[in-house]
Amino acid sequence: MDPNSFLSSEVSVKLNDGSFIVGQLSSLDGYMNVVISNAKELSASREEVKSHKETFIRGNNVLYVAKS
């Protein structure tokens, strides 16, 4: 699947610590560096912790990116 097909889609990013970031995918590169707009940070139990207008996630912290 072409990673660019995810751009502007609602995605869920699972991080190494078990938490999630959900929002609109703005950018994704070959190192799995991700930029999410209108991001919500969720705990491992899926409770909202914080919200951000835009957030950058370094690829070494990402387990996977999935369409919501």
C-alpha atoms as a PDB file:
ATOM      1  CA  MET A   1       0.000   0.000   0.000  1.00  0.00           C
ATOM      2  CA  ASP A   2       1.272   3.472  -0.890  1.00  0.00           C
ATOM      3  CA  PRO A   3       1.963   5.471   2.310  1.00  0.00           C
ATOM      4  CA  ASN A   4       0.870   8.666   0.547  1.00  0.00           C
ATOM      5  CA  SER A   5      -2.674   7.268   0.302  1.00  0.00           C
ATOM      6  CA  PHE A   6      -2.913   7.930   4.071  1.00  0.00           C
ATOM      7  CA  LEU A   7      -2.259  11.674   3.724  1.00  0.00           C
ATOM      8  CA  SER A   8      -5.159  13.844   4.951  1.00  0.00           C
ATOM      9  CA  SER A   9      -6.823  10.742   6.440  1.00  0.00           C
ATOM     10  CA  GLU A  10      -7.783  10.244  10.064  1.00  0.00           C
ATOM     11  CA  VAL A  11      -5.156   7.941  11.556  1.00  0.00           C
ATOM     12  CA  SER A  12      -4.194   6.310  14.822  1.00  0.00           C
ATOM     13  CA  VAL A  13      -0.483   6.118  15.661  1.00  0.00           C
ATOM     14  CA  LYS A  14       0.531   3.613  18.340  1.00  0.00           C
ATOM     15  CA  LEU A  15       3.688   4.568  20.202  1.00  0.00           C
ATOM     16  CA  ASN A  16       6.300   2.349  21.876  1.00  0.00           C
ATOM     17  CA  ASP A  17       4.995   3.261  25.345  1.00  0.00           C
ATOM     18  CA  GLY A  18       1.524   1.908  24.484  1.00  0.00           C
ATOM     19  CA  SER A  19      -0.130   5.301  24.078  1.00  0.00           C
ATOM     20  CA  PHE A  20      -1.805   6.579  20.914  1.00  0.00           C
ATOM     21  CA  ILE A  21      -1.962   9.794  18.912  1.00  0.00           C
ATOM     22  CA  VAL A  22      -5.049  10.213  16.724  1.00  0.00           C
ATOM     23  CA  GLY A  23      -5.725  12.928  14.178  1.00  0.00           C
ATOM     24  CA  GLN A  24      -5.272  13.915  10.552  1.00  0.00           C
ATOM     25  CA  LEU A  25      -2.054  12.722   8.890  1.00  0.00           C
ATOM     26  CA  SER A  26      -0.152  15.696   7.448  1.00  0.00           C
ATOM     27  CA  SER A  27       3.178  14.045   6.662  1.00  0.00           C
ATOM     28  CA  LEU A  28       4.837  10.626   6.702  1.00  0.00           C
ATOM     29  CA  ASP A  29       8.345   9.751   5.529  1.00  0.00           C
ATOM     30  CA  GLY A  30      10.397   6.605   5.004  1.00  0.00           C
ATOM     31  CA  TYR A  31      11.695   6.708   8.575  1.00  0.00           C
ATOM     32  CA  MET A  32       8.118   6.720   9.929  1.00  0.00           C
ATOM     33  CA  ASN A  33       8.470  10.319  11.115  1.00  0.00           C
ATOM     34  CA  VAL A  34       4.892  11.542  11.347  1.00  0.00           C
ATOM     35  CA  VAL A  35       3.166  14.929  11.551  1.00  0.00           C
ATOM     36  CA  ILE A  36      -0.422  14.852  12.845  1.00  0.00           C
ATOM     37  CA  SER A  37      -2.842  17.816  12.738  1.00  0.00           C
ATOM     38  CA  ASN A  38      -5.687  18.218  15.245  1.00  0.00           C
ATOM     39  CA  ALA A  39      -3.962  15.565  17.341  1.00  0.00           C
ATOM     40  CA  LYS A  40      -5.322  13.976  20.487  1.00  0.00           C
ATOM     41  CA  GLU A  41      -2.959  12.152  22.791  1.00  0.00           C
ATOM     42  CA  LEU A  42      -4.568   9.071  24.322  1.00  0.00           C
ATOM     43  CA  SER A  43      -3.333   6.854  27.129  1.00  0.00           C
ATOM     44  CA  ALA A  44      -2.940   3.104  26.635  1.00  0.00           C
ATOM     45  CA  SER A  45      -6.501   2.749  27.990  1.00  0.00           C
ATOM     46  CA  ARG A  46      -7.687   5.194  25.258  1.00  0.00           C
ATOM     47  CA  GLU A  47      -8.472   8.068  27.665  1.00  0.00           C
ATOM     48  CA  GLU A  48      -7.696  11.533  26.264  1.00  0.00           C
ATOM     49  CA  VAL A  49      -4.648  13.087  27.920  1.00  0.00           C
ATOM     50  CA  LYS A  50      -3.963  16.196  25.777  1.00  0.00           C
ATOM     51  CA  SER A  51      -4.840  17.753  22.464  1.00  0.00           C
ATOM     52  CA  HIS A  52      -2.496  19.545  20.095  1.00  0.00           C
ATOM     53  CA  LYS A  53      -3.052  21.660  16.983  1.00  0.00           C
ATOM     54  CA  GLU A  54      -0.118  19.854  15.353  1.00  0.00           C
ATOM     55  CA  THR A  55       2.451  17.372  16.605  1.00  0.00           C
ATOM     56  CA  PHE A  56       5.599  15.733  15.248  1.00  0.00           C
ATOM     57  CA  ILE A  57       6.396  12.145  16.201  1.00  0.00           C
ATOM     58  CA  ARG A  58       9.856  10.801  15.544  1.00  0.00           C
ATOM     59  CA  GLY A  59       9.825   7.464  13.713  1.00  0.00           C
ATOM     60  CA  ASN A  60      11.764   5.508  16.339  1.00  0.00           C
ATOM     61  CA  ASN A  61       8.785   6.021  18.720  1.00  0.00           C
ATOM     62  CA  VAL A  62       6.188   4.634  16.274  1.00  0.00           C
ATOM     63  CA  LEU A  63       4.973   1.024  16.356  1.00  0.00           C
ATOM     64  CA  TYR A  64       2.390   1.478  13.602  1.00  0.00           C
ATOM     65  CA  VAL A  65       0.129   3.920  11.751  1.00  0.00           C
ATOM     66  CA  ALA A  66      -3.427   2.797  10.942  1.00  0.00           C
ATOM     67  CA  LYS A  67      -6.380   4.516   9.296  1.00  0.00           C
ATOM     68  CA  SER A  68      -9.127   5.231  11.834  1.00  0.00           C
END
